[in-house]
Protein backbone atom coordinates (compact mmCIF):
# COMPACT_ATOMS: atom_id res chain seq x y z
CA HIS A 1 48.33 -66.11 -48.43
CA TYR A 2 50.03 -63.99 -45.77
CA LYS A 3 47.77 -65.22 -42.95
CA ASP A 4 48.36 -68.82 -44.11
CA ARG A 5 52.13 -68.26 -43.86
CA VAL A 6 51.76 -66.86 -40.34
CA ALA A 7 49.62 -69.85 -39.32
CA ALA A 8 52.22 -72.24 -40.75
CA LEU A 9 55.02 -70.50 -38.84
CA ARG A 10 53.07 -70.62 -35.59
CA ALA A 11 52.26 -74.31 -36.13
CA ALA A 12 55.92 -75.14 -36.81
CA VAL A 13 57.35 -72.94 -34.03
CA PRO A 14 54.75 -72.45 -31.29
CA ASP A 15 56.92 -69.97 -29.35
CA ILE A 16 57.60 -67.78 -32.38
CA ALA A 17 57.19 -64.04 -31.97
CA ILE A 18 56.08 -62.35 -35.16
CA THR A 19 56.73 -58.66 -35.69
CA THR A 20 56.15 -56.37 -38.62
CA ASP A 21 56.56 -52.86 -39.97
CA LEU A 22 53.39 -50.90 -40.75
CA ILE A 23 53.04 -47.56 -42.54
CA ALA A 24 49.92 -45.45 -42.15
CA GLY A 25 48.97 -42.89 -44.76
CA PHE A 26 50.84 -44.13 -47.82
CA PRO A 27 49.87 -42.02 -50.85
CA GLY A 28 46.45 -43.05 -52.12
CA GLU A 29 45.58 -45.05 -49.02
CA THR A 30 41.80 -45.07 -48.66
CA ASP A 31 39.80 -45.28 -45.44
CA GLU A 32 38.87 -48.85 -46.42
CA GLN A 33 42.50 -49.82 -46.99
CA PHE A 34 43.49 -48.41 -43.62
CA GLU A 35 40.62 -50.29 -41.93
CA ASN A 36 41.95 -53.45 -43.61
CA THR A 37 45.35 -52.76 -42.02
CA LEU A 38 43.67 -52.58 -38.60
CA LYS A 39 41.73 -55.77 -39.37
CA LEU A 40 44.94 -57.59 -40.31
CA ALA A 41 46.63 -56.44 -37.10
CA ARG A 42 43.66 -57.74 -35.06
CA GLU A 43 43.64 -61.09 -36.92
CA VAL A 44 47.38 -61.78 -37.01
CA ARG A 45 48.08 -60.39 -33.52
CA PHE A 46 51.70 -59.38 -34.06
CA ASP A 47 53.89 -59.54 -30.97
CA ALA A 48 55.16 -56.09 -31.86
CA ALA A 49 55.26 -53.67 -34.75
CA PHE A 50 57.35 -50.75 -35.89
CA MET A 51 54.74 -48.23 -36.99
CA PHE A 52 55.24 -45.06 -38.95
CA ALA A 53 53.27 -42.35 -40.72
CA PHE A 54 54.32 -42.13 -44.35
CA ASN A 55 56.91 -39.41 -44.77
CA PRO A 56 57.91 -38.54 -48.33
CA ILE A 57 61.65 -38.37 -48.84
CA LYS A 58 62.88 -35.76 -51.29
CA ASN A 59 63.76 -36.98 -54.78
CA THR A 60 62.16 -40.41 -54.37
CA ALA A 61 59.41 -41.97 -56.45
CA ALA A 62 57.09 -42.00 -53.42
CA GLU A 63 57.42 -38.23 -53.07
CA LYS A 64 55.93 -37.84 -56.54
CA LEU A 65 53.02 -40.26 -56.12
CA ASP A 66 49.50 -38.91 -56.49
CA GLY A 67 47.21 -39.02 -53.49
CA GLN A 68 49.52 -37.59 -50.83
CA LEU A 69 47.50 -37.48 -47.62
CA PRO A 70 47.42 -34.55 -45.20
CA ASN A 71 49.61 -34.97 -42.12
CA ALA A 72 46.57 -34.75 -39.85
CA ILE A 73 45.06 -37.86 -41.48
CA LYS A 74 48.36 -39.76 -41.41
CA LEU A 75 48.91 -38.97 -37.74
CA GLU A 76 45.32 -39.84 -36.78
CA ARG A 77 45.62 -43.20 -38.52
CA LEU A 78 49.03 -43.84 -36.97
CA GLY A 79 47.62 -43.07 -33.52
CA ARG A 80 44.80 -45.58 -33.99
CA LEU A 81 47.23 -48.21 -35.26
CA ILE A 82 49.64 -47.70 -32.35
CA LYS A 83 46.80 -47.87 -29.82
CA LEU A 84 45.54 -51.16 -31.28
CA GLN A 85 48.98 -52.77 -31.60
CA ASN A 86 50.07 -51.70 -28.12
CA LYS A 87 46.92 -53.30 -26.70
CA ILE A 88 47.65 -56.55 -28.58
CA THR A 89 51.30 -56.55 -27.51
CA CYS A 90 50.33 -56.10 -23.85
CA GLU A 91 47.69 -58.84 -24.10
CA ILE A 92 50.24 -61.26 -25.57
CA ASN A 93 52.88 -60.43 -22.96
CA ASP A 94 50.35 -60.58 -20.11
CA SER A 95 49.27 -64.03 -21.33
CA GLN A 96 52.84 -65.29 -20.89
CA VAL A 97 53.21 -64.24 -17.24
CA GLY A 98 54.15 -67.27 -15.17
CA ARG A 99 56.13 -68.84 -17.98
CA ASP A 100 59.86 -69.59 -17.78
CA PHE A 101 62.07 -68.06 -20.48
CA GLU A 102 65.67 -68.58 -21.48
CA VAL A 103 67.24 -65.10 -21.40
CA LEU A 104 70.58 -63.90 -22.73
CA LEU A 105 71.78 -61.58 -19.99
CA GLU A 106 73.06 -58.32 -21.48
CA GLY A 107 73.78 -56.18 -18.44
CA VAL A 108 72.30 -53.81 -15.90
CA SER A 109 68.91 -52.36 -16.80
CA PRO A 110 69.38 -48.76 -17.96
CA LYS A 111 66.14 -47.78 -16.19
CA ASP A 112 66.65 -49.66 -12.92
CA PRO A 113 70.19 -50.23 -11.62
CA ASN A 114 68.82 -52.84 -9.20
CA ARG A 115 67.83 -55.14 -12.07
CA LEU A 116 69.58 -56.91 -14.90
CA THR A 117 68.25 -56.94 -18.44
CA GLY A 118 68.36 -59.41 -21.27
CA LEU A 119 66.45 -60.75 -24.23
CA THR A 120 64.30 -63.84 -24.55
CA ARG A 121 64.56 -66.06 -27.62
CA GLN A 122 61.54 -64.13 -28.88
CA HIS A 123 63.60 -60.92 -28.65
CA LYS A 124 61.53 -59.54 -25.79
CA THR A 125 63.20 -57.60 -23.01
CA MET A 126 63.27 -59.19 -19.57
CA ASN A 127 64.29 -57.16 -16.48
CA PHE A 128 65.00 -59.17 -13.34
CA PRO A 129 67.14 -59.36 -10.20
CA GLY A 130 70.46 -61.14 -10.54
CA GLU A 131 74.22 -60.94 -10.35
CA VAL A 132 76.17 -58.72 -12.74
CA GLY A 133 78.78 -61.49 -13.04
CA MET A 134 76.24 -63.47 -15.09
CA VAL A 135 76.38 -61.03 -18.04
CA GLY A 136 76.74 -62.89 -21.32
CA GLN A 137 75.20 -66.07 -19.96
CA LEU A 138 71.90 -67.74 -20.71
CA VAL A 139 69.71 -67.83 -17.62
CA GLN A 140 66.22 -69.10 -16.85
CA VAL A 141 63.81 -66.38 -15.80
CA LYS A 142 60.14 -66.60 -14.83
CA ALA A 143 58.00 -63.77 -16.19
CA VAL A 144 56.08 -62.22 -13.28
CA GLU A 145 54.73 -59.07 -15.02
CA GLY A 146 53.96 -58.34 -18.65
CA HIS A 147 54.53 -54.90 -20.15
CA LEU A 148 54.57 -53.26 -23.56
CA TYR A 149 58.35 -53.71 -23.81
CA GLY A 150 58.42 -57.29 -22.49
CA PHE A 151 58.61 -58.57 -18.94
CA VAL A 152 59.72 -58.18 -15.36
CA GLY A 153 60.93 -61.52 -14.09
CA ASP A 154 62.42 -63.52 -11.26
CA SER A 155 65.76 -65.20 -11.97
CA LEU A 156 65.70 -68.99 -11.73
CA GLY A 157 69.46 -69.40 -12.31
CA ARG A 158 71.19 -71.15 -15.21
């Protein structure tokens, strides 16, 4: 059912970016269940994912669940999941190099004062040359490099 919903979303909105949250090592998670999580990530090809190792919080029902996994197993699974998802994210972003995006200009890039930064409609970061006076405006930017975080681009103007 889930994969059908994703397919329907992508059919209705071809430019949609689909993200998710994934937890590795939930109490009782078997090797097979974790492999199914990896399989789902490969099949759905999320644009991005927030990924965590299960961490029991004191005085919650999850803290008391049977089948708590050792940290080493949770961290190993999380590492595999992150490696897979990062590869998928980079493949997706690399496949969109050369495409023009509408970007909401947010300001100067915190990592490169010679570039501006903004977000595409798919909520992907775009860093590109431009004028600071354009902050707050929607601008057209061509993606020239894909990265894990999003893109480096060339400003095309408004």
